[in-house]
Amino acid sequence: MEPKSIIRALGALAHESRLAIFRLLVQAGTEGLPVGVIGTRLDLAPATLSFHLATLRRAGLVTTRRVGRTLYQSADYACMARLVDDLTANCCGESSSATLDACDARLLQTRSCVNR
């Protein structure tokens, strides 16, 4: 990913409501959720929800599809995977002897920083 795309995605997720929306959509799966359901579950006003969804869409993290009169929002799993891949691409440095298991172990060890 381009650095600007990474910054845009991380910036979009760096807000409590947008992070909650994205997590909810990831849990919902590829079908996504209607906008109204998202607003109800997260107790967000329509204008606020619209603003946050637009930010997530501009970052490429969320897609929209229309079914009749209902707008469904879905997490863009490909974008999410590219972002995670890019952020973890050099987790073990440039050591050619590093295995995927070693990288996985290193990532698991560093996960504790999220809970601080």
N, C-alpha and C. Protein backbone atom coordinates (compact mmCIF):
# COMPACT_ATOMS: atom_id res chain seq x y z
N MET A 1 0.84 -1.18 0.00
CA MET A 1 0.00 0.00 0.00
C MET A 1 0.88 1.24 0.00
N GLU A 2 0.36 2.27 -0.58
CA GLU A 2 1.05 3.55 -0.56
C GLU A 2 1.01 4.13 0.85
N PRO A 3 2.06 4.83 1.27
CA PRO A 3 2.05 5.44 2.60
C PRO A 3 0.82 6.32 2.87
N LYS A 4 0.38 7.08 1.88
CA LYS A 4 -0.79 7.94 2.08
C LYS A 4 -2.05 7.11 2.34
N SER A 5 -2.17 5.97 1.68
CA SER A 5 -3.32 5.09 1.89
C SER A 5 -3.29 4.49 3.30
N ILE A 6 -2.12 4.13 3.76
CA ILE A 6 -1.97 3.57 5.10
C ILE A 6 -2.36 4.62 6.14
N ILE A 7 -1.85 5.82 5.96
CA ILE A 7 -2.15 6.91 6.89
C ILE A 7 -3.63 7.22 6.90
N ARG A 8 -4.26 7.22 5.73
CA ARG A 8 -5.70 7.49 5.63
C ARG A 8 -6.50 6.40 6.36
N ALA A 9 -6.12 5.15 6.18
CA ALA A 9 -6.83 4.04 6.83
C ALA A 9 -6.64 4.09 8.34
N LEU A 10 -5.43 4.28 8.79
CA LEU A 10 -5.18 4.33 10.22
C LEU A 10 -5.86 5.55 10.85
N GLY A 11 -5.84 6.66 10.14
CA GLY A 11 -6.52 7.86 10.63
C GLY A 11 -8.02 7.65 10.76
N ALA A 12 -8.58 6.93 9.80
CA ALA A 12 -10.02 6.65 9.85
C ALA A 12 -10.36 5.78 11.05
N LEU A 13 -9.50 4.87 11.39
CA LEU A 13 -9.75 3.97 12.52
C LEU A 13 -9.40 4.60 13.87
N ALA A 14 -8.76 5.75 13.84
CA ALA A 14 -8.30 6.40 15.07
C ALA A 14 -9.39 7.27 15.69
N HIS A 15 -10.60 6.77 15.68
CA HIS A 15 -11.72 7.45 16.33
C HIS A 15 -12.62 6.37 16.92
N GLU A 16 -13.07 6.58 18.13
CA GLU A 16 -13.83 5.56 18.84
C GLU A 16 -15.05 5.06 18.06
N SER A 17 -15.83 5.97 17.50
CA SER A 17 -17.05 5.57 16.77
C SER A 17 -16.71 4.83 15.49
N ARG A 18 -15.71 5.33 14.74
CA ARG A 18 -15.35 4.66 13.49
C ARG A 18 -14.76 3.29 13.74
N LEU A 19 -13.96 3.17 14.79
CA LEU A 19 -13.42 1.85 15.15
C LEU A 19 -14.54 0.90 15.52
N ALA A 20 -15.52 1.39 16.26
CA ALA A 20 -16.67 0.54 16.64
C ALA A 20 -17.47 0.13 15.40
N ILE A 21 -17.67 1.05 14.48
CA ILE A 21 -18.39 0.73 13.23
C ILE A 21 -17.63 -0.34 12.46
N PHE A 22 -16.33 -0.14 12.30
CA PHE A 22 -15.53 -1.09 11.53
C PHE A 22 -15.54 -2.47 12.18
N ARG A 23 -15.38 -2.52 13.49
CA ARG A 23 -15.41 -3.81 14.19
C ARG A 23 -16.77 -4.50 14.01
N LEU A 24 -17.83 -3.74 14.10
CA LEU A 24 -19.17 -4.30 13.91
C LEU A 24 -19.32 -4.87 12.50
N LEU A 25 -18.81 -4.15 11.51
CA LEU A 25 -18.92 -4.61 10.12
C LEU A 25 -18.04 -5.84 9.87
N VAL A 26 -16.89 -5.89 10.49
CA VAL A 26 -16.02 -7.07 10.35
C VAL A 26 -16.75 -8.29 10.92
N GLN A 27 -17.39 -8.11 12.06
CA GLN A 27 -18.13 -9.22 12.69
C GLN A 27 -19.34 -9.62 11.86
N ALA A 28 -19.92 -8.68 11.12
CA ALA A 28 -21.13 -8.96 10.34
C ALA A 28 -20.85 -9.83 9.12
N GLY A 29 -19.61 -9.90 8.69
CA GLY A 29 -19.28 -10.72 7.53
C GLY A 29 -19.48 -9.98 6.22
N THR A 30 -19.40 -10.71 5.14
CA THR A 30 -19.43 -10.10 3.81
C THR A 30 -20.78 -9.50 3.45
N GLU A 31 -21.85 -9.96 4.08
CA GLU A 31 -23.18 -9.39 3.80
C GLU A 31 -23.31 -7.97 4.31
N GLY A 32 -22.56 -7.65 5.36
CA GLY A 32 -22.63 -6.31 5.93
C GLY A 32 -23.92 -6.09 6.71
N LEU A 33 -24.19 -4.82 6.98
CA LEU A 33 -25.38 -4.45 7.75
C LEU A 33 -26.03 -3.22 7.14
N PRO A 34 -27.35 -3.11 7.26
CA PRO A 34 -28.01 -1.88 6.83
C PRO A 34 -27.57 -0.72 7.72
N VAL A 35 -27.52 0.46 7.15
CA VAL A 35 -27.09 1.65 7.88
C VAL A 35 -27.91 1.83 9.16
N GLY A 36 -29.21 1.65 9.08
CA GLY A 36 -30.06 1.82 10.25
C GLY A 36 -29.71 0.89 11.39
N VAL A 37 -29.35 -0.33 11.06
CA VAL A 37 -28.98 -1.31 12.08
C VAL A 37 -27.68 -0.88 12.76
N ILE A 38 -26.74 -0.39 11.99
CA ILE A 38 -25.47 0.09 12.56
C ILE A 38 -25.75 1.22 13.55
N GLY A 39 -26.55 2.17 13.11
CA GLY A 39 -26.88 3.30 13.97
C GLY A 39 -27.56 2.88 15.26
N THR A 40 -28.47 1.93 15.16
CA THR A 40 -29.20 1.46 16.34
C THR A 40 -28.26 0.72 17.30
N ARG A 41 -27.47 -0.18 16.76
CA ARG A 41 -26.58 -0.98 17.62
C ARG A 41 -25.53 -0.13 18.33
N LEU A 42 -25.08 0.94 17.65
CA LEU A 42 -24.03 1.76 18.24
C LEU A 42 -24.56 3.06 18.83
N ASP A 43 -25.88 3.24 18.76
CA ASP A 43 -26.52 4.44 19.30
C ASP A 43 -25.91 5.71 18.72
N LEU A 44 -25.84 5.77 17.39
CA LEU A 44 -25.30 6.93 16.70
C LEU A 44 -26.42 7.62 15.91
N ALA A 45 -26.44 8.94 15.98
CA ALA A 45 -27.41 9.72 15.22
C ALA A 45 -27.14 9.56 13.73
N PRO A 46 -28.16 9.63 12.89
CA PRO A 46 -27.98 9.43 11.45
C PRO A 46 -26.90 10.32 10.82
N ALA A 47 -26.88 11.60 11.17
CA ALA A 47 -25.87 12.49 10.58
C ALA A 47 -24.47 12.12 11.03
N THR A 48 -24.32 11.76 12.28
CA THR A 48 -23.02 11.34 12.82
C THR A 48 -22.57 10.06 12.15
N LEU A 49 -23.47 9.09 12.04
CA LEU A 49 -23.15 7.82 11.39
C LEU A 49 -22.74 8.04 9.94
N SER A 50 -23.48 8.86 9.24
CA SER A 50 -23.17 9.16 7.84
C SER A 50 -21.77 9.74 7.68
N PHE A 51 -21.42 10.67 8.56
CA PHE A 51 -20.09 11.28 8.54
C PHE A 51 -19.01 10.23 8.74
N HIS A 52 -19.19 9.38 9.74
CA HIS A 52 -18.17 8.37 10.04
C HIS A 52 -18.07 7.31 8.93
N LEU A 53 -19.20 6.91 8.38
CA LEU A 53 -19.17 5.93 7.27
C LEU A 53 -18.47 6.52 6.05
N ALA A 54 -18.69 7.80 5.77
CA ALA A 54 -18.03 8.45 4.64
C ALA A 54 -16.52 8.45 4.83
N THR A 55 -16.07 8.68 6.05
CA THR A 55 -14.64 8.67 6.34
C THR A 55 -14.05 7.28 6.13
N LEU A 56 -14.76 6.26 6.59
CA LEU A 56 -14.30 4.89 6.40
C LEU A 56 -14.31 4.49 4.92
N ARG A 57 -15.31 4.96 4.17
CA ARG A 57 -15.35 4.67 2.72
C ARG A 57 -14.19 5.34 2.00
N ARG A 58 -13.91 6.61 2.32
CA ARG A 58 -12.80 7.32 1.67
C ARG A 58 -11.47 6.63 1.94
N ALA A 59 -11.36 6.01 3.11
CA ALA A 59 -10.13 5.29 3.47
C ALA A 59 -10.07 3.91 2.80
N GLY A 60 -11.17 3.49 2.18
CA GLY A 60 -11.20 2.20 1.50
C GLY A 60 -11.52 1.03 2.41
N LEU A 61 -11.90 1.31 3.65
CA LEU A 61 -12.15 0.24 4.62
C LEU A 61 -13.57 -0.29 4.58
N VAL A 62 -14.49 0.45 3.98
CA VAL A 62 -15.91 0.09 3.96
C VAL A 62 -16.45 0.29 2.55
N THR A 63 -17.31 -0.63 2.13
CA THR A 63 -18.00 -0.50 0.85
C THR A 63 -19.50 -0.41 1.09
N THR A 64 -20.19 0.15 0.12
CA THR A 64 -21.64 0.33 0.20
C THR A 64 -22.30 -0.36 -0.97
N ARG A 65 -23.42 -1.00 -0.71
CA ARG A 65 -24.24 -1.55 -1.80
C ARG A 65 -25.70 -1.28 -1.47
N ARG A 66 -26.48 -1.09 -2.51
CA ARG A 66 -27.89 -0.79 -2.36
C ARG A 66 -28.71 -2.03 -2.69
N VAL A 67 -29.65 -2.34 -1.83
CA VAL A 67 -30.62 -3.41 -2.08
C VAL A 67 -31.98 -2.75 -1.92
N GLY A 68 -32.63 -2.49 -3.04
CA GLY A 68 -33.89 -1.74 -3.00
C GLY A 68 -33.62 -0.35 -2.49
N ARG A 69 -34.26 0.00 -1.40
CA ARG A 69 -34.05 1.32 -0.81
C ARG A 69 -33.09 1.30 0.37
N THR A 70 -32.55 0.13 0.67
CA THR A 70 -31.68 -0.02 1.83
C THR A 70 -30.21 -0.01 1.42
N LEU A 71 -29.42 0.78 2.14
CA LEU A 71 -27.97 0.81 1.93
C LEU A 71 -27.30 -0.12 2.93
N TYR A 72 -26.51 -1.04 2.42
CA TYR A 72 -25.75 -1.96 3.26
C TYR A 72 -24.29 -1.52 3.25
N GLN A 73 -23.69 -1.57 4.41
CA GLN A 73 -22.27 -1.26 4.57
C GLN A 73 -21.55 -2.56 4.90
N SER A 74 -20.38 -2.75 4.30
CA SER A 74 -19.58 -3.95 4.55
C SER A 74 -18.13 -3.56 4.73
N ALA A 75 -17.43 -4.30 5.58
CA ALA A 75 -15.99 -4.11 5.72
C ALA A 75 -15.34 -4.60 4.43
N ASP A 76 -14.33 -3.88 3.98
CA ASP A 76 -13.57 -4.31 2.81
C ASP A 76 -12.41 -5.15 3.32
N TYR A 77 -12.60 -6.46 3.31
CA TYR A 77 -11.61 -7.38 3.88
C TYR A 77 -10.30 -7.35 3.11
N ALA A 78 -10.34 -7.11 1.82
CA ALA A 78 -9.11 -7.05 1.03
C ALA A 78 -8.26 -5.86 1.47
N CYS A 79 -8.90 -4.72 1.68
CA CYS A 79 -8.18 -3.53 2.14
C CYS A 79 -7.61 -3.77 3.54
N MET A 80 -8.42 -4.37 4.41
CA MET A 80 -7.97 -4.66 5.77
C MET A 80 -6.76 -5.60 5.73
N ALA A 81 -6.81 -6.61 4.89
CA ALA A 81 -5.70 -7.56 4.79
C ALA A 81 -4.44 -6.88 4.26
N ARG A 82 -4.59 -6.01 3.25
CA ARG A 82 -3.42 -5.28 2.73
C ARG A 82 -2.81 -4.40 3.81
N LEU A 83 -3.66 -3.74 4.59
CA LEU A 83 -3.16 -2.88 5.65
C LEU A 83 -2.38 -3.68 6.69
N VAL A 84 -2.95 -4.79 7.15
CA VAL A 84 -2.28 -5.62 8.15
C VAL A 84 -1.00 -6.21 7.56
N ASP A 85 -1.06 -6.67 6.32
CA ASP A 85 0.14 -7.23 5.68
C ASP A 85 1.25 -6.20 5.60
N ASP A 86 0.89 -4.98 5.23
CA ASP A 86 1.90 -3.93 5.09
C ASP A 86 2.49 -3.57 6.45
N LEU A 87 1.66 -3.51 7.47
CA LEU A 87 2.14 -3.14 8.80
C LEU A 87 3.02 -4.22 9.41
N THR A 88 2.82 -5.47 9.03
CA THR A 88 3.59 -6.57 9.60
C THR A 88 4.64 -7.14 8.65
N ALA A 89 4.82 -6.50 7.51
CA ALA A 89 5.72 -7.03 6.48
C ALA A 89 7.15 -7.21 6.98
N ASN A 90 7.60 -6.36 7.85
CA ASN A 90 8.99 -6.43 8.31
C ASN A 90 9.08 -6.79 9.79
N CYS A 91 8.13 -7.59 10.27
CA CYS A 91 8.08 -7.88 11.70
C CYS A 91 9.32 -8.61 12.20
N CYS A 92 9.98 -9.34 11.34
CA CYS A 92 11.16 -10.08 11.78
C CYS A 92 12.43 -9.53 11.14
N GLY A 93 12.39 -8.31 10.68
CA GLY A 93 13.55 -7.72 10.03
C GLY A 93 13.77 -8.35 8.68
N GLU A 94 14.97 -8.28 8.22
CA GLU A 94 15.29 -8.81 6.89
C GLU A 94 15.98 -10.16 6.97
N SER A 95 15.89 -10.82 8.08
CA SER A 95 16.53 -12.12 8.27
C SER A 95 15.89 -13.15 7.36
N SER A 96 16.68 -13.75 6.49
CA SER A 96 16.13 -14.75 5.58
C SER A 96 15.84 -16.05 6.31
N SER A 97 16.39 -16.22 7.52
CA SER A 97 16.14 -17.45 8.26
C SER A 97 14.87 -17.38 9.09
N ALA A 98 14.24 -16.20 9.14
CA ALA A 98 13.01 -16.06 9.93
C ALA A 98 11.89 -16.85 9.26
N THR A 99 11.20 -17.63 10.06
CA THR A 99 10.09 -18.40 9.53
C THR A 99 8.79 -17.71 9.88
N LEU A 100 7.73 -18.12 9.24
CA LEU A 100 6.42 -17.58 9.53
C LEU A 100 6.05 -17.83 10.99
N ASP A 101 6.42 -19.00 11.52
CA ASP A 101 6.12 -19.31 12.92
C ASP A 101 6.83 -18.34 13.84
N ALA A 102 8.08 -17.99 13.52
CA ALA A 102 8.83 -17.04 14.36
C ALA A 102 8.16 -15.67 14.33
N CYS A 103 7.70 -15.26 13.16
CA CYS A 103 7.01 -13.98 13.06
C CYS A 103 5.70 -14.02 13.82
N ASP A 104 4.97 -15.12 13.70
CA ASP A 104 3.71 -15.25 14.44
C ASP A 104 3.96 -15.17 15.94
N ALA A 105 5.02 -15.82 16.41
CA ALA A 105 5.35 -15.79 17.84
C ALA A 105 5.70 -14.38 18.27
N ARG A 106 6.46 -13.68 17.46
CA ARG A 106 6.85 -12.30 17.79
C ARG A 106 5.62 -11.41 17.85
N LEU A 107 4.70 -11.57 16.91
CA LEU A 107 3.49 -10.76 16.91
C LEU A 107 2.64 -11.05 18.13
N LEU A 108 2.54 -12.31 18.53
CA LEU A 108 1.77 -12.67 19.72
C LEU A 108 2.38 -12.05 20.97
N GLN A 109 3.69 -11.99 21.03
CA GLN A 109 4.36 -11.41 22.19
C GLN A 109 4.07 -9.91 22.28
N THR A 110 3.95 -9.24 21.15
CA THR A 110 3.77 -7.79 21.15
C THR A 110 2.31 -7.39 21.27
N ARG A 111 1.38 -8.33 21.21
CA ARG A 111 -0.04 -8.00 21.30
C ARG A 111 -0.42 -7.39 22.63
N SER A 112 0.37 -7.63 23.66
CA SER A 112 0.04 -7.11 24.97
C SER A 112 0.03 -5.60 24.99
N CYS A 113 0.73 -4.95 24.08
CA CYS A 113 0.76 -3.48 24.07
C CYS A 113 -0.62 -2.90 23.76
N VAL A 114 -1.47 -3.65 23.11
CA VAL A 114 -2.81 -3.18 22.76
C VAL A 114 -3.65 -3.00 24.01
N ASN A 115 -3.43 -3.81 25.01
CA ASN A 115 -4.24 -3.79 26.22
C ASN A 115 -3.76 -2.77 27.26
N ARG A 116 -2.72 -2.03 26.97
CA ARG A 116 -2.18 -1.07 27.93
C ARG A 116 -2.97 0.21 27.92
